[in-house]
Amino acid sequence: MDFTNPYQVIFEKLEELENKVDGLKTPSAPAIQIVDRKELQRILGVTEPTLITWGRKGKIPELRIGSNVRYNLPDVVTALQTH
């Protein structure tokens, strides 16, 4: 007779599934971190007119929500590194 612990079988199957899922994750997916203009000014150490100019010229991507402007920090960093 086989007296295999049923919980052990379940744990082994779960571990197999976890390993498969971990293999599917893409580490290159950029994170989303939305910041407002004041926060971006503080992070980059630039003035508000500089951010406005960069946004108008397309140097950095802006997210407009009504009259509010927000920025996805990873996109801004990427844009500045490529310019």
Protein backbone atom coordinates (compact mmCIF):
# COMPACT_ATOMS: atom_id res chain seq x y z
CA MET A 1 0.00 0.00 0.00
CA ASP A 2 1.03 3.54 -0.75
CA PHE A 3 0.72 5.83 2.26
CA THR A 4 1.67 9.08 0.56
CA ASN A 5 0.69 12.11 2.56
CA PRO A 6 -2.00 13.88 0.47
CA TYR A 7 -0.88 17.28 1.78
CA GLN A 8 2.65 16.64 0.61
CA VAL A 9 1.34 15.90 -2.89
CA ILE A 10 -0.62 19.16 -2.86
CA PHE A 11 2.42 21.13 -1.68
CA GLU A 12 4.58 19.61 -4.42
CA LYS A 13 2.00 20.51 -7.08
CA LEU A 14 1.77 24.06 -5.73
CA GLU A 15 5.54 24.41 -5.85
CA GLU A 16 5.55 23.23 -9.48
CA LEU A 17 2.89 25.81 -10.33
CA GLU A 18 4.79 28.59 -8.54
CA ASN A 19 7.93 27.76 -10.52
CA LYS A 20 5.97 27.88 -13.78
CA VAL A 21 4.40 31.24 -12.88
CA ASP A 22 7.77 32.67 -11.84
CA GLY A 23 9.12 31.70 -15.25
CA LEU A 24 6.36 33.67 -16.96
CA LYS A 25 7.02 36.95 -15.17
CA THR A 26 8.69 39.63 -17.28
CA PRO A 27 11.09 41.71 -15.22
CA SER A 28 11.42 44.30 -17.98
CA ALA A 29 7.85 45.57 -17.55
CA PRO A 30 8.10 49.21 -16.50
CA ALA A 31 6.49 50.21 -13.24
CA ILE A 32 3.86 52.91 -13.05
CA GLN A 33 4.53 55.68 -10.57
CA ILE A 34 2.31 58.71 -11.11
CA VAL A 35 3.58 61.98 -9.66
CA ASP A 36 2.36 65.55 -9.83
CA ARG A 37 4.35 68.53 -11.06
CA LYS A 38 5.62 69.57 -7.62
CA GLU A 39 6.82 66.04 -6.86
CA LEU A 40 8.61 65.82 -10.23
CA GLN A 41 10.21 69.23 -9.63
CA ARG A 42 11.56 67.98 -6.31
CA ILE A 43 12.81 64.69 -7.77
CA LEU A 44 14.54 66.26 -10.78
CA GLY A 45 15.64 69.46 -9.06
CA VAL A 46 14.22 71.73 -11.78
CA THR A 47 11.77 74.63 -11.77
CA GLU A 48 8.12 74.55 -12.75
CA PRO A 49 8.70 76.60 -15.94
CA THR A 50 11.32 74.05 -17.01
CA LEU A 51 8.85 71.18 -16.64
CA ILE A 52 6.20 73.13 -18.53
CA THR A 53 8.64 73.84 -21.37
CA TRP A 54 9.82 70.22 -21.53
CA GLY A 55 6.21 69.04 -21.64
CA ARG A 56 5.21 71.46 -24.40
CA LYS A 57 8.23 70.54 -26.49
CA GLY A 58 7.56 66.84 -25.99
CA LYS A 59 10.82 66.21 -24.16
CA ILE A 60 8.91 64.50 -21.34
CA PRO A 61 5.53 62.72 -21.53
CA GLU A 62 2.62 64.29 -19.69
CA LEU A 63 -0.67 62.82 -18.57
CA ARG A 64 -3.45 65.41 -18.70
CA ILE A 65 -6.54 64.87 -16.61
CA GLY A 66 -8.74 67.88 -17.17
CA SER A 67 -6.59 70.84 -16.20
CA ASN A 68 -4.27 68.70 -14.06
CA VAL A 69 -0.94 67.44 -15.30
CA ARG A 70 0.62 64.24 -13.98
CA TYR A 71 3.71 62.30 -14.96
CA ASN A 72 4.63 58.63 -14.99
CA LEU A 73 8.07 58.83 -13.38
CA PRO A 74 9.63 55.81 -15.16
CA ASP A 75 8.49 57.23 -18.55
CA VAL A 76 9.96 60.64 -17.70
CA VAL A 77 13.29 59.11 -16.66
CA THR A 78 13.42 57.06 -19.86
CA ALA A 79 12.59 60.11 -21.98
CA LEU A 80 15.31 62.21 -20.33
CA GLN A 81 17.88 59.45 -20.74
CA THR A 82 17.18 59.19 -24.47
CA HIS A 83 17.30 62.95 -25.14
